[in-house]
Protein backbone atom coordinates (compact mmCIF):
# COMPACT_ATOMS: atom_id res chain seq x y z
CA MET A 1 -6.86 -6.33 9.32
CA ASN A 2 -7.57 -2.48 8.78
CA LYS A 3 -10.79 -1.82 7.50
CA LEU A 4 -9.91 1.70 6.71
CA ALA A 5 -7.40 0.26 4.07
CA GLN A 6 -10.40 -0.93 1.55
CA LYS A 7 -11.69 2.69 1.14
CA ILE A 8 -8.14 4.09 -0.57
CA SER A 9 -8.61 4.58 -4.10
CA ASP A 10 -5.52 4.37 -6.59
CA SER A 11 -5.10 8.42 -6.81
CA GLU A 12 -5.08 7.96 -2.89
CA LEU A 13 -2.71 5.37 -3.07
CA GLU A 14 -0.02 7.77 -4.84
CA VAL A 15 -0.47 10.01 -1.74
CA MET A 16 -0.02 7.11 0.82
CA ARG A 17 2.67 6.00 -0.65
CA VAL A 18 4.54 9.41 -0.37
CA LEU A 19 3.29 9.25 3.30
CA TRP A 20 4.62 5.86 4.02
CA SER A 21 8.00 6.59 2.59
CA ALA A 22 8.56 9.84 4.59
CA LYS A 23 8.46 8.02 7.87
CA LYS A 24 7.20 11.17 9.18
CA ALA A 25 4.80 14.15 9.25
CA VAL A 26 4.95 15.95 5.73
CA THR A 27 3.36 18.97 4.40
CA LEU A 28 1.68 19.63 1.04
CA ALA A 29 4.78 21.25 -0.13
CA GLU A 30 7.04 17.91 -0.01
CA ILE A 31 3.88 15.88 -1.14
CA ARG A 32 3.67 17.93 -3.82
CA LYS A 33 7.46 17.56 -4.58
CA THR A 34 7.70 14.03 -4.32
CA LEU A 35 4.53 13.49 -6.43
CA SER A 36 6.00 15.56 -9.42
CA ALA A 37 8.46 13.44 -10.45
CA GLY A 38 5.27 11.05 -11.73
CA PHE A 39 2.50 13.07 -11.80
CA GLU A 40 1.32 16.65 -13.45
CA TRP A 41 -1.32 17.03 -10.37
CA GLU A 42 -2.38 20.49 -9.28
CA ASP A 43 -2.07 21.41 -5.84
CA SER A 44 -5.93 21.02 -5.71
CA THR A 45 -5.92 17.83 -6.91
CA ILE A 46 -3.60 16.66 -3.91
CA LYS A 47 -5.40 18.75 -1.59
CA THR A 48 -8.64 17.07 -2.67
CA LEU A 49 -6.98 13.28 -2.35
CA LEU A 50 -5.42 14.54 1.17
CA ARG A 51 -9.27 15.90 2.40
CA ARG A 52 -10.53 13.18 0.92
CA LEU A 53 -8.24 10.65 2.72
CA TYR A 54 -8.78 12.65 5.97
CA SER A 55 -12.76 12.61 5.89
CA LYS A 56 -11.95 8.36 5.45
CA GLY A 57 -9.74 8.30 8.69
CA VAL A 58 -7.05 6.87 6.90
CA LEU A 59 -4.69 9.92 7.50
CA LYS A 60 -4.22 12.33 10.33
CA GLN A 61 -3.39 16.24 9.56
CA GLU A 62 -2.01 18.47 12.29
CA LYS A 63 -1.58 22.00 11.98
CA ARG A 64 1.30 24.07 12.74
CA ASP A 65 2.53 27.06 10.88
CA VAL A 66 0.89 24.44 8.03
CA TYR A 67 -0.94 21.31 7.93
CA TYR A 68 1.31 18.32 8.28
CA TYR A 69 0.01 14.90 7.36
CA THR A 70 0.56 11.51 8.72
CA PRO A 71 -0.59 8.03 7.68
CA LEU A 72 -2.98 6.10 10.25
CA VAL A 73 -2.79 2.85 7.86
CA SER A 74 0.20 1.53 7.28
CA ARG A 75 1.64 -0.06 4.12
CA GLU A 76 1.93 -3.18 5.60
CA GLU A 77 -2.00 -3.11 6.94
CA TYR A 78 -2.98 -2.20 3.10
CA GLU A 79 -0.90 -4.85 1.41
CA GLU A 80 -2.38 -7.39 3.86
CA TYR A 81 -5.79 -6.22 2.88
CA THR A 82 -5.23 -5.50 -0.65
CA THR A 83 -3.44 -9.72 -0.83
CA GLN A 84 -6.30 -10.89 0.84
CA THR A 85 -8.96 -9.37 -1.17
CA LEU A 86 -6.84 -10.51 -4.26
CA LEU A 87 -7.22 -14.21 -2.63
CA ASN A 88 -10.45 -13.81 -2.23
CA LYS A 89 -11.97 -12.45 -5.58
CA LEU A 90 -9.53 -14.65 -7.82
CA TYR A 91 -9.09 -17.79 -6.01
CA GLN A 92 -11.28 -17.96 -3.01
CA GLY A 93 -9.30 -17.58 -0.50
CA ASN A 94 -6.70 -20.14 -1.24
CA ALA A 95 -3.06 -18.61 -1.41
CA LYS A 96 -1.72 -22.27 -2.80
CA ASN A 97 -3.86 -21.52 -5.87
CA LEU A 98 -2.20 -18.22 -6.30
CA ILE A 99 1.32 -19.84 -6.51
CA ALA A 100 0.15 -22.52 -8.60
CA SER A 101 -1.36 -19.72 -11.11
CA LEU A 102 2.13 -17.94 -10.87
CA VAL A 103 4.51 -21.15 -11.33
CA SER A 104 2.37 -22.51 -14.43
CA SER A 105 2.23 -19.14 -16.05
CA ASN A 106 6.04 -18.57 -15.85
CA LYS A 107 5.68 -15.67 -13.73
CA LEU A 108 8.25 -16.56 -11.14
CA SER A 109 11.74 -17.03 -12.57
CA GLN A 110 13.94 -19.59 -10.91
CA ALA A 111 15.66 -17.74 -8.10
CA ASP A 112 12.03 -16.43 -7.10
CA ILE A 113 11.03 -20.10 -6.75
CA LYS A 114 14.35 -21.27 -4.57
CA GLU A 115 13.59 -18.14 -2.34
CA LEU A 116 9.89 -19.16 -1.91
CA LYS A 117 10.95 -22.78 -1.22
CA ASP A 118 13.74 -21.26 1.22
CA MET A 119 10.88 -19.29 3.01
CA PHE A 120 8.73 -22.98 3.47
CA LYS A 121 11.93 -24.40 4.91
CA VAL A 122 12.01 -21.76 7.49
CA GLY A 123 8.18 -22.31 8.22
CA ASP A 124 8.79 -26.10 8.65
CA LYS A 125 11.36 -25.15 11.51
CA ASN A 126 9.04 -23.42 13.40
CA GLU A 127 6.37 -26.42 13.69
């Protein structure tokens, strides 16, 4: 699990989502354009978030005509880290207890439950 993932704050995560979605190096202008749909952040705010992420080693910046930014932590690594953190914090690392909690609180639809059952069946074939 990538330990860099633990360093990403909620605001920084919004920037990382833009970088992950882009699947290529992007400029501040491209990041700002994407974020403008949901946030009214000034350029200085986005620059600060990018600077923090760079100093944490979570993204790299490359100077061309302007700076281009690329994530060094994948979305999958971040999701794995946050999922494991949630499991450890709330369910003592036990995924079964998380699923039981979701089922008992009616957070899963019948379609979700069927999909999970199908996933478990696929897992059985690999043994």
